[in-house]
Amino acid sequence: MDNLKKVLACKQVFEAEGRQAMGVHLPDDLAKALRWELHQYYGADPGETLTTLYGMEVLSLDASEVRFEV
């Protein structure tokens, strides 16, 4: 669950500045890794397109880096 923890840590840093992350842009390789981790964690595949993650809407799966939207 390392990738899930990394995304949550990035979200917490973003929100520590007083902003609320409502959406996230994910790089393709990270999105695939997160899908696998979620499948291992819940025992079910969340599908090719992640819709939400930690209460945030997944806005894209082809970003150059993890970015959050308010």
Protein backbone atom coordinates (compact mmCIF):
# COMPACT_ATOMS: atom_id res chain seq x y z
CA MET A 1 0.00 0.00 0.00
CA ASP A 2 2.98 2.28 -0.49
CA ASN A 3 1.47 4.25 -3.37
CA LEU A 4 -1.77 4.85 -1.47
CA LYS A 5 0.25 6.17 1.47
CA LYS A 6 2.29 8.43 -0.83
CA VAL A 7 -0.84 9.98 -2.37
CA LEU A 8 -2.37 10.49 1.08
CA ALA A 9 0.85 12.13 2.32
CA CYS A 10 0.87 14.48 -0.69
CA LYS A 11 -2.78 15.32 -0.04
CA GLN A 12 -2.04 16.11 3.60
CA VAL A 13 0.82 18.44 2.63
CA PHE A 14 -1.45 20.18 0.11
CA GLU A 15 -4.19 20.59 2.71
CA ALA A 16 -1.78 21.75 5.43
CA GLU A 17 -1.59 25.03 3.53
CA GLY A 18 -5.29 25.63 4.26
CA ARG A 19 -6.72 24.27 0.99
CA GLN A 20 -9.20 21.43 0.54
CA ALA A 21 -8.29 18.92 -2.19
CA MET A 22 -11.46 18.15 -4.15
CA GLY A 23 -9.82 16.55 -7.19
CA VAL A 24 -6.59 14.85 -8.16
CA HIS A 25 -4.68 14.33 -11.41
CA LEU A 26 -2.62 11.12 -11.46
CA PRO A 27 0.19 9.93 -13.74
CA ASP A 28 -0.65 6.77 -15.71
CA ASP A 29 1.89 4.54 -13.95
CA LEU A 30 0.72 5.66 -10.51
CA ALA A 31 -2.94 5.15 -11.45
CA LYS A 32 -2.19 1.57 -12.53
CA ALA A 33 -0.26 0.89 -9.31
CA LEU A 34 -3.09 2.35 -7.22
CA ARG A 35 -5.63 0.19 -9.05
CA TRP A 36 -3.58 -2.91 -8.24
CA GLU A 37 -3.17 -1.89 -4.58
CA LEU A 38 -6.91 -1.22 -4.22
CA HIS A 39 -7.63 -4.61 -5.80
CA GLN A 40 -5.32 -6.29 -3.28
CA TYR A 41 -6.81 -4.34 -0.38
CA TYR A 42 -10.52 -4.79 -1.17
CA GLY A 43 -10.42 -8.03 -3.17
CA ALA A 44 -12.21 -6.42 -6.11
CA ASP A 45 -10.96 -4.52 -9.12
CA PRO A 46 -12.10 -0.87 -9.02
CA GLY A 47 -12.05 -0.76 -12.83
CA GLU A 48 -9.85 0.91 -15.40
CA THR A 49 -10.99 4.39 -14.44
CA LEU A 50 -10.70 5.34 -10.81
CA THR A 51 -13.57 7.64 -9.92
CA THR A 52 -12.67 8.69 -6.38
CA LEU A 53 -9.67 8.39 -4.12
CA TYR A 54 -9.65 9.54 -0.48
CA GLY A 55 -12.84 11.50 -1.13
CA MET A 56 -11.39 13.33 -4.14
CA GLU A 57 -12.62 13.06 -7.71
CA VAL A 58 -9.97 11.54 -9.98
CA LEU A 59 -9.83 14.14 -12.75
CA SER A 60 -7.24 12.54 -15.04
CA LEU A 61 -5.06 9.46 -15.29
CA ASP A 62 -2.43 10.86 -17.64
CA ALA A 63 -0.91 13.77 -15.72
CA SER A 64 2.84 14.37 -15.71
CA GLU A 65 2.78 14.49 -11.90
CA VAL A 66 0.33 14.25 -9.00
CA ARG A 67 -1.64 17.50 -8.84
CA PHE A 68 -4.56 18.51 -6.68
CA GLU A 69 -7.48 20.82 -7.47
CA VAL A 70 -9.50 22.85 -4.99
